[in-house]
Amino acid sequence: MKIVIVDDEPDILSVLRDAFADQEIFLFSSADLALEYIKKNLPDIIISDVRMPGKINGLGLLQEVKNRWPGLPFIVISGYRSANGIPDIMGLGADALFYKPFHFSELVEAATRLTSGKK
């Protein structure tokens, strides 16, 4: 499974890299960099934080990905639970949502389920 993981927190990137150690992983600290990569190298799934610095944030990445590649699985991870913090992420096309802190085994299971049938 080819996975793009986007988060501006190095510790989260490190833990997710370890959680998906048996997969092909591409780590990005900004949605801008991730989008440029994705345009040229379509992954099997994207896992992204919501709030990050840069020209676009995780929600912008989600919207761009779902506009261009509607069938590409996208998991959102967020530290914000309040209605004021983030809009309806599932309504924007996210395939799954995990609030930090989360169980990494559940995230791996969700990614596996969402990519089943893909090479």
Protein backbone atom coordinates (compact mmCIF):
# COMPACT_ATOMS: atom_id res chain seq x y z
CA MET A 1 0.00 0.00 0.00
CA LYS A 2 1.37 3.42 -1.01
CA ILE A 3 0.45 5.95 1.71
CA VAL A 4 0.85 9.72 1.84
CA ILE A 5 0.84 11.03 5.42
CA VAL A 6 0.57 14.77 6.08
CA ASP A 7 1.02 16.41 9.49
CA ASP A 8 2.99 19.39 10.72
CA GLU A 9 3.87 17.60 13.98
CA PRO A 10 7.12 15.62 13.57
CA ASP A 11 6.20 13.29 16.45
CA ILE A 12 2.95 12.28 14.75
CA LEU A 13 4.76 11.67 11.45
CA SER A 14 7.31 9.52 13.25
CA VAL A 15 4.71 7.41 15.05
CA LEU A 16 2.65 6.96 11.88
CA ARG A 17 5.78 5.99 9.95
CA ASP A 18 6.35 3.26 12.54
CA ALA A 19 2.69 2.18 12.53
CA PHE A 20 2.80 1.69 8.75
CA ALA A 21 6.39 0.37 8.65
CA ASP A 22 5.51 -2.50 6.32
CA GLN A 23 4.02 -0.11 3.71
CA GLU A 24 5.42 2.35 1.17
CA ILE A 25 5.14 5.66 3.07
CA PHE A 26 5.65 9.26 1.97
CA LEU A 27 5.70 11.85 4.75
CA PHE A 28 4.96 15.56 4.33
CA SER A 29 4.88 18.41 6.85
CA SER A 30 2.57 20.55 4.71
CA ALA A 31 -0.46 20.03 2.50
CA ASP A 32 1.18 22.15 -0.22
CA LEU A 33 4.12 19.75 -0.56
CA ALA A 34 1.87 16.71 -0.34
CA LEU A 35 -0.42 17.96 -3.11
CA GLU A 36 2.51 18.56 -5.47
CA TYR A 37 3.69 15.00 -4.82
CA ILE A 38 0.19 13.50 -5.18
CA LYS A 39 -0.31 15.18 -8.57
CA LYS A 40 2.66 13.21 -9.92
CA ASN A 41 2.52 10.05 -7.79
CA LEU A 42 -1.01 8.99 -6.93
CA PRO A 43 -1.01 7.00 -3.67
CA ASP A 44 -3.45 4.31 -2.55
CA ILE A 45 -4.57 6.41 0.41
CA ILE A 46 -3.94 9.76 2.10
CA ILE A 47 -3.88 10.39 5.85
CA SER A 48 -3.83 14.07 6.77
CA ASP A 49 -4.10 16.41 9.69
CA VAL A 50 -6.58 19.30 9.36
CA ARG A 51 -4.80 22.36 10.72
CA MET A 52 -1.39 23.04 9.26
CA PRO A 53 0.47 26.12 8.12
CA GLY A 54 0.88 26.81 4.43
CA LYS A 55 -1.05 27.95 1.40
CA ILE A 56 -3.59 25.17 1.91
CA ASN A 57 -4.43 23.21 5.03
CA GLY A 58 -5.70 19.66 5.43
CA LEU A 59 -9.26 20.63 4.50
CA GLY A 60 -8.03 22.30 1.33
CA LEU A 61 -6.06 19.16 0.52
CA LEU A 62 -9.13 17.01 1.14
CA GLN A 63 -11.27 19.16 -1.16
CA GLU A 64 -8.64 19.25 -3.91
CA VAL A 65 -8.10 15.49 -3.76
CA LYS A 66 -11.82 14.69 -3.79
CA ASN A 67 -12.37 17.08 -6.73
CA ARG A 68 -9.57 15.52 -8.79
CA TRP A 69 -9.67 11.90 -7.61
CA PRO A 70 -13.07 11.24 -5.95
CA GLY A 71 -12.36 7.56 -5.35
CA LEU A 72 -9.04 8.09 -3.58
CA PRO A 73 -9.45 7.15 0.10
CA PHE A 74 -8.72 10.01 2.50
CA ILE A 75 -8.47 9.71 6.29
CA VAL A 76 -8.49 12.88 8.37
CA ILE A 77 -6.78 13.11 11.75
CA SER A 78 -7.47 16.10 13.98
CA GLY A 79 -6.81 17.42 17.43
CA TYR A 80 -9.94 19.60 17.23
CA ARG A 81 -13.29 18.19 18.30
CA SER A 82 -15.39 21.33 18.60
CA ALA A 83 -17.89 22.32 15.96
CA ASN A 84 -16.22 25.72 15.79
CA GLY A 85 -12.80 24.18 15.23
CA ILE A 86 -13.50 22.30 12.01
CA PRO A 87 -16.40 22.01 9.56
CA ASP A 88 -18.23 18.80 8.67
CA ILE A 89 -15.23 16.81 7.49
CA MET A 90 -17.21 13.75 6.51
CA GLY A 91 -19.51 15.97 4.45
CA LEU A 92 -16.46 17.23 2.57
CA GLY A 93 -15.65 13.69 1.46
CA ALA A 94 -13.39 12.23 4.14
CA ASP A 95 -13.63 8.45 4.31
CA ALA A 96 -12.76 8.30 8.01
CA LEU A 97 -12.01 10.71 10.85
CA PHE A 98 -9.79 10.10 13.86
CA TYR A 99 -9.41 12.56 16.72
CA LYS A 100 -6.02 12.85 18.42
CA PRO A 101 -5.07 11.00 20.47
CA PHE A 102 -6.22 7.85 18.69
CA HIS A 103 -5.30 4.18 18.68
CA PHE A 104 -2.83 3.63 15.87
CA SER A 105 -4.02 0.06 15.37
CA GLU A 106 -7.51 1.39 14.55
CA LEU A 107 -6.06 3.82 12.03
CA VAL A 108 -4.05 1.04 10.36
CA GLU A 109 -7.18 -1.13 10.29
CA ALA A 110 -9.22 1.67 8.68
CA ALA A 111 -6.53 2.31 6.06
CA THR A 112 -6.37 -1.40 5.24
CA ARG A 113 -10.15 -1.63 4.97
CA LEU A 114 -10.39 1.46 2.73
CA THR A 115 -7.72 0.17 0.36
CA SER A 116 -8.85 -3.45 0.21
CA GLY A 117 -9.09 -4.53 -3.38
CA LYS A 118 -6.37 -2.06 -4.41
CA LYS A 119 -2.87 -3.13 -5.28
